[in-house]
Amino acid sequence: MKRRNLISLILGAAIAWPLACYAQQPQSPPLKRVGVLAMLGCPLGPKGRLQDRLAELGWVQERNFVFDCVSTVGRLHEIPALAHELVSRHPDVLMAGPGSFIPPLKQATTTIPIVMFAAAGDPVRAGLVANLARPEGNVTGVTTFGTEILPKQIQLLKEIVPHLKRLAFIGSVRLKGVENAGAMWGKEIEEQATIAARELGFTWQWFTAVAGNDFDEIFSRLAAENFDAAYIIAHPLTTQNASRIVELALRHQIPAVGGDPAWAKGGLLLGYGQDYYGWNVMRLAEYLDKILRGAQPSDLPVQQATALKLGINLKTAKALGLTVPPLLIARADEVIE
């Protein structure tokens, strides 16, 4: 009997010992979650400038953090609902760009930190933050140049298109939930367009797209009505349809300028503005890193862009029958041949 009890005791200890050891092992902390209101679709891949910079800062996707992504592609009219959907998932931090995506997120949460990415213009005037040095509230991040660079963008365009007399501005409707910000942005564009028209001697007309298919009709009209060039207004719809816009501009022989050097890399004649996917991405990763480690957005000053870049696509210029002045090529930060 004693022997039987001893065997039972030994067997019980043998079973309990690994269980006890397992229980004593430290459990991995839950993955941090970065909520993304994405302009260019989901999912965010494992590779990219943002992911590379986050990895340098110690954040490896699927190891200690994940992206929780909500796409706005084809759903720009649902931005407030998409913002609420993302907030309801309770991520540790939110990130979004452009600036028009921020007000719906602010309305959906006052507690989850929000990092704005590529918010154009003055974020104080737009009501996104109270102060650049001390943002207050739950929003901070990166801002880029606003409409003040529009005359310079058109001046660069005219150096390649010296006969510029009729210019089309191609944009989209105001997003639901940010009508006031959209109205302010539209007014600023009109003011700068008026200044540029007076200085450079051209007339201009606004063309509005509601959906991606509208760009086909717009460019057909530009060709039929003999417009000399086009200015692509920064808007989620134009960004989401960048490839279509580039193809249409080439098909209808319309020289065009966009507000980002990436437009030229994508095939547009000119791109001039902040390098969204360079400096901006690096700063975005640094904000996410600090907040995920416990920093409060109200203590992180908003950073404003300080440098502009010019991209010129010589292949497109040739296809349009245009000659780019050598001095302009020499000034370009990126020349696509």
Foldseek 3Di string as FASTA:
>chain_A
DVVVVVVVVVVVCVVVVVVVVVVPDDDDDAAAEEEEADLQDDDDDQDAPLNVLLVVLPDHDPPRHHYDYDYCVVPLQCLLVSLLVRVVVPGQAYEYDDPLSQQSVVVNDQPRAYAYAAHEDDCCVLVNAVDQQQRPTRYAYEYWYALPCVLVQVVLVCLFVVVAAEEEEEEADRGPPRNVSVVVRVVSNVVSVVVSCVVSPYDYDYDYDHALVVLLVVLVVCLVVVHAAYEYDDDSRCVNNLLVNLVSCLVSLHQYEYAELVSVVSRHFKYKTDHRRPPRSSRSSVVVSVSVVPDGNSNDGHHYDDDMFMEGEVVSCVSSVIDRDPVSVVRHPYYHD
